Amino acid sequence: MIEYSPRERTALIALGGFGLVALNSLFLYGLLVRPESLVEAFTNPISLVFIVESFLLLGIFAYLMRKWGVLRLPWRWFVALALLGSMLFALPVVLLWGRRGDFKNPRKPGAL
């Protein structure tokens, strides 16, 4: 498993937070204020190209990250988090999330 320096971890956490808070807030705001804009986006051929491309890249990234062994969560989590939030949010989560056994217990067995 890849280890990240404290500086790298901080940058990934900041990017994930930005993706979750800023990007999702703007999307939800636009969806609530102008719900018809979502239909407009799907009927606009230029925006539809970007939407299709992002879904294809999501699948490719999930496959490559699983193949490279850099994910700390299953690839399905990356896809689900990206669909619920954004890829900018999902990527740091699946790269930094700790699994059981990733951290060694410093105490000896039987110690209080």
C-alpha atoms as a PDB file:
ATOM      1  CA  MET A   1       0.000   0.000   0.000  1.00  0.00           C
ATOM      2  CA  ILE A   2       1.262   3.463  -0.833  1.00  0.00           C
ATOM      3  CA  GLU A   3       2.207   5.654   2.094  1.00  0.00           C
ATOM      4  CA  TYR A   4       1.567   9.392   1.884  1.00  0.00           C
ATOM      5  CA  SER A   5       3.581  12.086   3.626  1.00  0.00           C
ATOM      6  CA  PRO A   6       1.754  14.400   6.038  1.00  0.00           C
ATOM      7  CA  ARG A   7       1.903  17.137   3.410  1.00  0.00           C
ATOM      8  CA  GLU A   8       0.395  14.864   0.750  1.00  0.00           C
ATOM      9  CA  ARG A   9      -2.307  13.698   3.170  1.00  0.00           C
ATOM     10  CA  THR A  10      -3.187  17.292   4.036  1.00  0.00           C
ATOM     11  CA  ALA A  11      -3.406  18.257   0.357  1.00  0.00           C
ATOM     12  CA  LEU A  12      -5.612  15.243  -0.431  1.00  0.00           C
ATOM     13  CA  ILE A  13      -7.884  15.990   2.529  1.00  0.00           C
ATOM     14  CA  ALA A  14      -8.165  19.658   1.482  1.00  0.00           C
ATOM     15  CA  LEU A  15      -9.015  18.676  -2.098  1.00  0.00           C
ATOM     16  CA  GLY A  16     -11.591  16.156  -0.897  1.00  0.00           C
ATOM     17  CA  GLY A  17     -13.156  18.724   1.407  1.00  0.00           C
ATOM     18  CA  PHE A  18     -13.299  21.248  -1.418  1.00  0.00           C
ATOM     19  CA  GLY A  19     -14.921  18.667  -3.678  1.00  0.00           C
ATOM     20  CA  LEU A  20     -17.486  17.725  -1.054  1.00  0.00           C
ATOM     21  CA  VAL A  21     -18.360  21.185   0.246  1.00  0.00           C
ATOM     22  CA  ALA A  22     -17.770  23.653  -2.581  1.00  0.00           C
ATOM     23  CA  LEU A  23     -18.549  21.637  -5.701  1.00  0.00           C
ATOM     24  CA  ASN A  24     -21.509  19.759  -4.238  1.00  0.00           C
ATOM     25  CA  SER A  25     -22.936  22.933  -2.700  1.00  0.00           C
ATOM     26  CA  LEU A  26     -22.803  24.708  -6.051  1.00  0.00           C
ATOM     27  CA  PHE A  27     -24.437  21.749  -7.781  1.00  0.00           C
ATOM     28  CA  LEU A  28     -27.212  21.467  -5.184  1.00  0.00           C
ATOM     29  CA  TYR A  29     -27.770  25.220  -5.177  1.00  0.00           C
ATOM     30  CA  GLY A  30     -28.140  25.249  -8.953  1.00  0.00           C
ATOM     31  CA  LEU A  31     -30.407  22.217  -8.822  1.00  0.00           C
ATOM     32  CA  LEU A  32     -32.693  23.821  -6.232  1.00  0.00           C
ATOM     33  CA  VAL A  33     -32.756  27.320  -7.727  1.00  0.00           C
ATOM     34  CA  ARG A  34     -32.999  26.246 -11.387  1.00  0.00           C
ATOM     35  CA  PRO A  35     -34.111  22.597 -11.548  1.00  0.00           C
ATOM     36  CA  GLU A  36     -34.759  22.938 -15.282  1.00  0.00           C
ATOM     37  CA  SER A  37     -31.023  23.465 -15.817  1.00  0.00           C
ATOM     38  CA  LEU A  38     -30.425  19.733 -15.324  1.00  0.00           C
ATOM     39  CA  VAL A  39     -32.749  18.944 -18.223  1.00  0.00           C
ATOM     40  CA  GLU A  40     -31.034  21.670 -20.255  1.00  0.00           C
ATOM     41  CA  ALA A  41     -27.651  20.105 -19.528  1.00  0.00           C
ATOM     42  CA  PHE A  42     -28.800  16.689 -20.751  1.00  0.00           C
ATOM     43  CA  THR A  43     -30.312  18.134 -23.911  1.00  0.00           C
ATOM     44  CA  ASN A  44     -27.303  20.342 -24.745  1.00  0.00           C
ATOM     45  CA  PRO A  45     -24.951  18.293 -26.960  1.00  0.00           C
ATOM     46  CA  ILE A  46     -21.817  20.028 -25.673  1.00  0.00           C
ATOM     47  CA  SER A  47     -22.578  19.464 -21.997  1.00  0.00           C
ATOM     48  CA  LEU A  48     -23.722  15.922 -22.774  1.00  0.00           C
ATOM     49  CA  VAL A  49     -20.285  15.162 -24.230  1.00  0.00           C
ATOM     50  CA  PHE A  50     -18.652  16.284 -20.968  1.00  0.00           C
ATOM     51  CA  ILE A  51     -21.114  14.256 -18.900  1.00  0.00           C
ATOM     52  CA  VAL A  52     -20.517  11.083 -20.929  1.00  0.00           C
ATOM     53  CA  GLU A  53     -16.759  11.641 -20.817  1.00  0.00           C
ATOM     54  CA  SER A  54     -16.796  12.018 -17.038  1.00  0.00           C
ATOM     55  CA  PHE A  55     -18.734   8.763 -16.613  1.00  0.00           C
ATOM     56  CA  LEU A  56     -16.298   6.941 -18.904  1.00  0.00           C
ATOM     57  CA  LEU A  57     -13.308   8.387 -17.023  1.00  0.00           C
ATOM     58  CA  LEU A  58     -14.880   7.363 -13.724  1.00  0.00           C
ATOM     59  CA  GLY A  59     -14.980   3.751 -14.891  1.00  0.00           C
ATOM     60  CA  ILE A  60     -11.449   3.905 -16.282  1.00  0.00           C
ATOM     61  CA  PHE A  61     -10.066   5.457 -13.081  1.00  0.00           C
ATOM     62  CA  ALA A  62     -11.816   2.838 -10.938  1.00  0.00           C
ATOM     63  CA  TYR A  63     -10.344   0.043 -13.068  1.00  0.00           C
ATOM     64  CA  LEU A  64      -6.824   1.502 -13.141  1.00  0.00           C
ATOM     65  CA  MET A  65      -6.686   2.291  -9.433  1.00  0.00           C
ATOM     66  CA  ARG A  66      -7.782  -1.260  -8.620  1.00  0.00           C
ATOM     67  CA  LYS A  67      -5.233  -2.668 -11.052  1.00  0.00           C
ATOM     68  CA  TRP A  68      -2.428  -0.505  -9.620  1.00  0.00           C
ATOM     69  CA  GLY A  69      -3.407  -1.460  -6.064  1.00  0.00           C
ATOM     70  CA  VAL A  70      -3.615   2.103  -4.751  1.00  0.00           C
ATOM     71  CA  LEU A  71      -7.162   1.901  -3.373  1.00  0.00           C
ATOM     72  CA  ARG A  72      -7.690   1.317   0.326  1.00  0.00           C
ATOM     73  CA  LEU A  73     -11.384   0.667  -0.253  1.00  0.00           C
ATOM     74  CA  PRO A  74     -12.998  -1.482  -2.956  1.00  0.00           C
ATOM     75  CA  TRP A  75     -13.348   0.211  -6.349  1.00  0.00           C
ATOM     76  CA  ARG A  76     -17.136   0.170  -5.915  1.00  0.00           C
ATOM     77  CA  TRP A  77     -16.743   2.672  -3.084  1.00  0.00           C
ATOM     78  CA  PHE A  78     -14.870   5.024  -5.390  1.00  0.00           C
ATOM     79  CA  VAL A  79     -17.665   4.867  -7.962  1.00  0.00           C
ATOM     80  CA  ALA A  80     -20.410   5.291  -5.343  1.00  0.00           C
ATOM     81  CA  LEU A  81     -18.672   8.212  -3.621  1.00  0.00           C
ATOM     82  CA  ALA A  82     -17.987   9.895  -6.951  1.00  0.00           C
ATOM     83  CA  LEU A  83     -21.641   9.582  -7.954  1.00  0.00           C
ATOM     84  CA  LEU A  84     -22.859  10.841  -4.566  1.00  0.00           C
ATOM     85  CA  GLY A  85     -20.265  13.574  -4.277  1.00  0.00           C
ATOM     86  CA  SER A  86     -17.616  14.189  -6.873  1.00  0.00           C
ATOM     87  CA  MET A  87     -14.445  12.504  -8.077  1.00  0.00           C
ATOM     88  CA  LEU A  88     -12.502  15.237  -6.296  1.00  0.00           C
ATOM     89  CA  PHE A  89     -14.150  14.047  -3.070  1.00  0.00           C
ATOM     90  CA  ALA A  90     -14.037  10.298  -3.789  1.00  0.00           C
ATOM     91  CA  LEU A  91     -10.373  10.077  -4.759  1.00  0.00           C
ATOM     92  CA  PRO A  92      -8.881  11.240  -1.428  1.00  0.00           C
ATOM     93  CA  VAL A  93     -11.346   9.123   0.530  1.00  0.00           C
ATOM     94  CA  VAL A  94     -10.446   5.865  -1.211  1.00  0.00           C
ATOM     95  CA  LEU A  95      -6.729   6.668  -1.191  1.00  0.00           C
ATOM     96  CA  LEU A  96      -6.501   7.637   2.487  1.00  0.00           C
ATOM     97  CA  TRP A  97      -9.162   5.498   4.172  1.00  0.00           C
ATOM     98  CA  GLY A  98      -7.567   3.121   6.669  1.00  0.00           C
ATOM     99  CA  ARG A  99      -8.326  -0.582   6.739  1.00  0.00           C
ATOM    100  CA  ARG A 100      -8.115  -2.816   9.743  1.00  0.00           C
ATOM    101  CA  GLY A 101      -4.559  -3.948  10.183  1.00  0.00           C
ATOM    102  CA  ASP A 102      -3.075  -0.898   8.442  1.00  0.00           C
ATOM    103  CA  PHE A 103      -1.877   0.430  11.771  1.00  0.00           C
ATOM    104  CA  LYS A 104       0.035  -1.743  14.143  1.00  0.00           C
ATOM    105  CA  ASN A 105      -1.037  -1.797  17.774  1.00  0.00           C
ATOM    106  CA  PRO A 106       1.879  -0.378  19.791  1.00  0.00           C
ATOM    107  CA  ARG A 107       0.784  -2.182  22.947  1.00  0.00           C
ATOM    108  CA  LYS A 108       1.932  -5.694  23.654  1.00  0.00           C
ATOM    109  CA  PRO A 109      -0.690  -8.395  24.136  1.00  0.00           C
ATOM    110  CA  GLY A 110      -1.794  -8.542  27.750  1.00  0.00           C
ATOM    111  CA  ALA A 111      -0.559  -5.010  28.551  1.00  0.00           C
ATOM    112  CA  LEU A 112      -2.963  -2.599  30.220  1.00  0.00           C
END
